[in-house]
């Protein structure tokens, strides 16, 4: 006999190794030595600013990869 009653939906498990891919977008902006300098400049923009903007696509790509790898297929 099942431990789940018929009225309750099945328990969701979010335990996937893919979820570890969500850690770098959080930790990268916290790694201050990466961008605590003025150079190198990219188009006249100091490293601090262009690195902050570079972190955005990294976060988006990681999030999309985790979503696609862990979504339930109908």
C-alpha atoms as a PDB file:
ATOM      1  CA  UNK A   1       0.000   0.000   0.000  1.00  0.00           C
ATOM      2  CA  UNK A   2       1.268   3.493  -0.849  1.00  0.00           C
ATOM      3  CA  UNK A   3       2.187   6.004   1.862  1.00  0.00           C
ATOM      4  CA  UNK A   4       0.479   8.770  -0.156  1.00  0.00           C
ATOM      5  CA  UNK A   5      -3.269   9.116   0.182  1.00  0.00           C
ATOM      6  CA  UNK A   6      -5.263   9.437  -3.055  1.00  0.00           C
ATOM      7  CA  UNK A   7      -6.213  13.060  -2.329  1.00  0.00           C
ATOM      8  CA  UNK A   8      -2.650  14.331  -1.975  1.00  0.00           C
ATOM      9  CA  UNK A   9      -0.577  15.154  -5.044  1.00  0.00           C
ATOM     10  CA  UNK A  10       2.723  13.294  -5.357  1.00  0.00           C
ATOM     11  CA  UNK A  11       5.556  14.810  -3.384  1.00  0.00           C
ATOM     12  CA  UNK A  12       7.871  16.975  -5.458  1.00  0.00           C
ATOM     13  CA  UNK A  13      11.596  16.415  -5.233  1.00  0.00           C
ATOM     14  CA  UNK A  14      13.912  19.260  -6.186  1.00  0.00           C
ATOM     15  CA  UNK A  15      17.024  17.275  -5.479  1.00  0.00           C
ATOM     16  CA  UNK A  16      18.950  17.360  -8.713  1.00  0.00           C
ATOM     17  CA  UNK A  17      22.632  17.785  -9.358  1.00  0.00           C
ATOM     18  CA  UNK A  18      21.714  20.384 -11.967  1.00  0.00           C
ATOM     19  CA  UNK A  19      20.721  22.746  -9.154  1.00  0.00           C
ATOM     20  CA  UNK A  20      24.406  23.189  -8.297  1.00  0.00           C
ATOM     21  CA  UNK A  21      24.684  25.163 -11.531  1.00  0.00           C
ATOM     22  CA  UNK A  22      22.714  27.924  -9.785  1.00  0.00           C
ATOM     23  CA  UNK A  23      25.564  28.547  -7.326  1.00  0.00           C
ATOM     24  CA  UNK A  24      28.120  30.289  -9.638  1.00  0.00           C
ATOM     25  CA  UNK A  25      25.776  33.148 -10.616  1.00  0.00           C
ATOM     26  CA  UNK A  26      25.354  33.891  -6.913  1.00  0.00           C
ATOM     27  CA  UNK A  27      29.013  33.553  -5.934  1.00  0.00           C
ATOM     28  CA  UNK A  28      30.627  35.265  -8.943  1.00  0.00           C
ATOM     29  CA  UNK A  29      29.446  38.791  -8.043  1.00  0.00           C
ATOM     30  CA  UNK A  30      30.592  38.156  -4.473  1.00  0.00           C
ATOM     31  CA  UNK A  31      34.162  37.381  -5.631  1.00  0.00           C
ATOM     32  CA  UNK A  32      35.338  40.967  -5.258  1.00  0.00           C
ATOM     33  CA  UNK A  33      39.004  40.349  -6.229  1.00  0.00           C
ATOM     34  CA  UNK A  34      37.785  39.562  -9.763  1.00  0.00           C
ATOM     35  CA  UNK A  35      36.668  43.133 -10.374  1.00  0.00           C
ATOM     36  CA  UNK A  36      38.299  45.244  -7.648  1.00  0.00           C
ATOM     37  CA  UNK A  37      40.482  47.147 -10.112  1.00  0.00           C
ATOM     38  CA  UNK A  38      40.195  49.773 -12.808  1.00  0.00           C
ATOM     39  CA  UNK A  39      41.721  47.831 -15.663  1.00  0.00           C
ATOM     40  CA  UNK A  40      41.341  46.231 -18.091  1.00  0.00           C
ATOM     41  CA  UNK A  41      39.012  48.625 -19.787  1.00  0.00           C
ATOM     42  CA  UNK A  42      36.612  47.492 -22.466  1.00  0.00           C
ATOM     43  CA  UNK A  43      35.641  50.323 -24.773  1.00  0.00           C
ATOM     44  CA  UNK A  44      36.687  52.851 -22.151  1.00  0.00           C
ATOM     45  CA  UNK A  45      34.507  51.222 -19.472  1.00  0.00           C
ATOM     46  CA  UNK A  46      36.348  50.062 -16.310  1.00  0.00           C
ATOM     47  CA  UNK A  47      36.398  46.346 -15.489  1.00  0.00           C
ATOM     48  CA  UNK A  48      34.021  46.726 -12.546  1.00  0.00           C
ATOM     49  CA  UNK A  49      31.154  47.875 -14.747  1.00  0.00           C
ATOM     50  CA  UNK A  50      31.536  45.551 -17.701  1.00  0.00           C
ATOM     51  CA  UNK A  51      32.079  42.541 -15.440  1.00  0.00           C
ATOM     52  CA  UNK A  52      28.868  43.327 -13.562  1.00  0.00           C
ATOM     53  CA  UNK A  53      27.027  43.369 -16.876  1.00  0.00           C
ATOM     54  CA  UNK A  54      28.793  40.146 -17.956  1.00  0.00           C
ATOM     55  CA  UNK A  55      27.454  38.370 -14.864  1.00  0.00           C
ATOM     56  CA  UNK A  56      23.878  38.870 -16.100  1.00  0.00           C
ATOM     57  CA  UNK A  57      24.107  36.560 -19.157  1.00  0.00           C
ATOM     58  CA  UNK A  58      26.043  34.020 -17.080  1.00  0.00           C
ATOM     59  CA  UNK A  59      23.175  33.908 -14.592  1.00  0.00           C
ATOM     60  CA  UNK A  60      20.563  33.700 -17.326  1.00  0.00           C
ATOM     61  CA  UNK A  61      22.368  30.866 -19.116  1.00  0.00           C
ATOM     62  CA  UNK A  62      22.807  28.887 -15.900  1.00  0.00           C
ATOM     63  CA  UNK A  63      19.154  29.367 -14.969  1.00  0.00           C
ATOM     64  CA  UNK A  64      17.916  28.311 -18.418  1.00  0.00           C
ATOM     65  CA  UNK A  65      20.170  25.233 -18.383  1.00  0.00           C
ATOM     66  CA  UNK A  66      18.882  24.137 -14.973  1.00  0.00           C
ATOM     67  CA  UNK A  67      15.268  24.785 -15.959  1.00  0.00           C
ATOM     68  CA  UNK A  68      15.520  22.753 -19.147  1.00  0.00           C
ATOM     69  CA  UNK A  69      17.383  19.909 -17.455  1.00  0.00           C
ATOM     70  CA  UNK A  70      15.027  19.596 -14.481  1.00  0.00           C
ATOM     71  CA  UNK A  71      11.539  20.386 -15.823  1.00  0.00           C
ATOM     72  CA  UNK A  72       8.949  17.658 -15.811  1.00  0.00           C
ATOM     73  CA  UNK A  73       8.069  16.468 -19.266  1.00  0.00           C
ATOM     74  CA  UNK A  74       4.367  15.989 -19.756  1.00  0.00           C
END
